[in-house]
Amino acid sequence: MPTSQRINLVLDGAIYRRIRLLAENEGVSLPVKARDLIKEALEIQEDAYLSRVAEEREASWDESTALSHEDVCSSQYIQ
């Protein structure tokens, strides 16, 4: 199976022109710029998700039940 996959998509004129202009300004092809923008959008989505997870963990943090550094490094917890 090839490592790269193709996707066909339809863009409205305004989005197409914006991507084309970005590609021209950066000296890359339109497909390369579209791919890079999709990658960036996926990274932003992942960052937003991980931020929510971190906020939930922070909100549920209870110092009284947390393990100390010594506890974690003791042979009891290391396999």
C-alpha atoms as a PDB file:
ATOM      1  CA  MET A   1       0.000   0.000   0.000  1.00  0.00           C
ATOM      2  CA  PRO A   2       1.405   3.444  -0.860  1.00  0.00           C
ATOM      3  CA  THR A   3       2.424   5.697   2.002  1.00  0.00           C
ATOM      4  CA  SER A   4       0.627   8.666   0.444  1.00  0.00           C
ATOM      5  CA  GLN A   5      -3.082   8.752  -0.323  1.00  0.00           C
ATOM      6  CA  ARG A   6      -4.970  11.109  -2.594  1.00  0.00           C
ATOM      7  CA  ILE A   7      -8.082  13.054  -1.758  1.00  0.00           C
ATOM      8  CA  ASN A   8     -10.382  14.998  -4.055  1.00  0.00           C
ATOM      9  CA  LEU A   9     -12.204  17.945  -2.595  1.00  0.00           C
ATOM     10  CA  VAL A  10     -14.260  20.854  -3.790  1.00  0.00           C
ATOM     11  CA  LEU A  11     -13.507  24.350  -2.465  1.00  0.00           C
ATOM     12  CA  ASP A  12     -15.542  27.475  -2.872  1.00  0.00           C
ATOM     13  CA  GLY A  13     -13.876  30.170  -4.945  1.00  0.00           C
ATOM     14  CA  ALA A  14     -12.778  32.366  -2.043  1.00  0.00           C
ATOM     15  CA  ILE A  15     -10.986  29.534  -0.223  1.00  0.00           C
ATOM     16  CA  TYR A  16      -9.376  28.324  -3.441  1.00  0.00           C
ATOM     17  CA  ARG A  17      -8.057  31.810  -4.219  1.00  0.00           C
ATOM     18  CA  ARG A  18      -6.684  32.244  -0.690  1.00  0.00           C
ATOM     19  CA  ILE A  19      -4.836  28.934  -0.827  1.00  0.00           C
ATOM     20  CA  ARG A  20      -3.551  29.678  -4.326  1.00  0.00           C
ATOM     21  CA  LEU A  21      -2.255  33.083  -3.171  1.00  0.00           C
ATOM     22  CA  LEU A  22      -0.536  31.546  -0.137  1.00  0.00           C
ATOM     23  CA  ALA A  23       1.073  28.921  -2.369  1.00  0.00           C
ATOM     24  CA  GLU A  24       2.287  31.533  -4.843  1.00  0.00           C
ATOM     25  CA  ASN A  25       3.697  33.716  -2.066  1.00  0.00           C
ATOM     26  CA  GLU A  26       5.594  30.746  -0.620  1.00  0.00           C
ATOM     27  CA  GLY A  27       6.702  29.393  -3.979  1.00  0.00           C
ATOM     28  CA  VAL A  28       5.047  26.010  -3.535  1.00  0.00           C
ATOM     29  CA  SER A  29       2.389  24.194  -5.501  1.00  0.00           C
ATOM     30  CA  LEU A  30      -1.267  24.495  -4.640  1.00  0.00           C
ATOM     31  CA  PRO A  31      -1.555  20.817  -3.569  1.00  0.00           C
ATOM     32  CA  VAL A  32       1.499  21.131  -1.305  1.00  0.00           C
ATOM     33  CA  LYS A  33       0.060  24.240   0.356  1.00  0.00           C
ATOM     34  CA  ALA A  34      -3.338  22.572   0.801  1.00  0.00           C
ATOM     35  CA  ARG A  35      -1.636  19.538   2.367  1.00  0.00           C
ATOM     36  CA  ASP A  36       0.377  21.750   4.718  1.00  0.00           C
ATOM     37  CA  LEU A  37      -2.733  23.663   5.782  1.00  0.00           C
ATOM     38  CA  ILE A  38      -4.566  20.408   6.510  1.00  0.00           C
ATOM     39  CA  LYS A  39      -1.617  19.181   8.595  1.00  0.00           C
ATOM     40  CA  GLU A  40      -1.583  22.452  10.524  1.00  0.00           C
ATOM     41  CA  ALA A  41      -5.333  22.263  11.147  1.00  0.00           C
ATOM     42  CA  LEU A  42      -4.977  18.710  12.467  1.00  0.00           C
ATOM     43  CA  GLU A  43      -2.189  19.816  14.827  1.00  0.00           C
ATOM     44  CA  ILE A  44      -4.374  22.669  16.107  1.00  0.00           C
ATOM     45  CA  GLN A  45      -7.246  20.232  16.710  1.00  0.00           C
ATOM     46  CA  GLU A  46      -4.922  17.858  18.556  1.00  0.00           C
ATOM     47  CA  ASP A  47      -3.528  20.685  20.692  1.00  0.00           C
ATOM     48  CA  ALA A  48      -7.043  21.818  21.596  1.00  0.00           C
ATOM     49  CA  TYR A  49      -8.016  18.274  22.607  1.00  0.00           C
ATOM     50  CA  LEU A  50      -4.881  17.777  24.709  1.00  0.00           C
ATOM     51  CA  SER A  51      -5.480  21.140  26.399  1.00  0.00           C
ATOM     52  CA  ARG A  52      -8.979  20.033  27.382  1.00  0.00           C
ATOM     53  CA  VAL A  53      -7.601  16.757  28.760  1.00  0.00           C
ATOM     54  CA  ALA A  54      -4.951  18.645  30.739  1.00  0.00           C
ATOM     55  CA  GLU A  55      -7.546  21.055  32.143  1.00  0.00           C
ATOM     56  CA  GLU A  56      -9.753  18.133  33.237  1.00  0.00           C
ATOM     57  CA  ARG A  57      -6.811  16.448  34.932  1.00  0.00           C
ATOM     58  CA  GLU A  58      -5.777  19.673  36.621  1.00  0.00           C
ATOM     59  CA  ALA A  59      -9.305  20.250  37.897  1.00  0.00           C
ATOM     60  CA  SER A  60      -9.437  16.754  39.391  1.00  0.00           C
ATOM     61  CA  TRP A  61      -5.942  16.929  40.964  1.00  0.00           C
ATOM     62  CA  ASP A  62      -5.900  15.923  44.609  1.00  0.00           C
ATOM     63  CA  GLU A  63      -2.608  16.507  46.366  1.00  0.00           C
ATOM     64  CA  SER A  64      -3.547  14.105  49.161  1.00  0.00           C
ATOM     65  CA  THR A  65      -3.748  11.110  46.801  1.00  0.00           C
ATOM     66  CA  ALA A  66      -0.775  12.021  44.613  1.00  0.00           C
ATOM     67  CA  LEU A  67       2.371   9.916  44.696  1.00  0.00           C
ATOM     68  CA  SER A  68       5.609  11.584  45.676  1.00  0.00           C
ATOM     69  CA  HIS A  69       8.733  11.407  43.572  1.00  0.00           C
ATOM     70  CA  GLU A  70      10.174   8.924  46.021  1.00  0.00           C
ATOM     71  CA  ASP A  71       7.046   6.740  45.780  1.00  0.00           C
ATOM     72  CA  VAL A  72       7.174   6.665  42.017  1.00  0.00           C
ATOM     73  CA  CYS A  73      10.884   5.857  41.928  1.00  0.00           C
ATOM     74  CA  SER A  74      10.698   3.140  44.563  1.00  0.00           C
ATOM     75  CA  SER A  75      11.022  -0.467  43.496  1.00  0.00           C
ATOM     76  CA  GLN A  76       7.377  -1.008  44.440  1.00  0.00           C
ATOM     77  CA  TYR A  77       6.183   0.957  41.361  1.00  0.00           C
ATOM     78  CA  ILE A  78       8.981   0.171  38.915  1.00  0.00           C
ATOM     79  CA  GLN A  79       8.529  -3.054  36.990  1.00  0.00           C
END
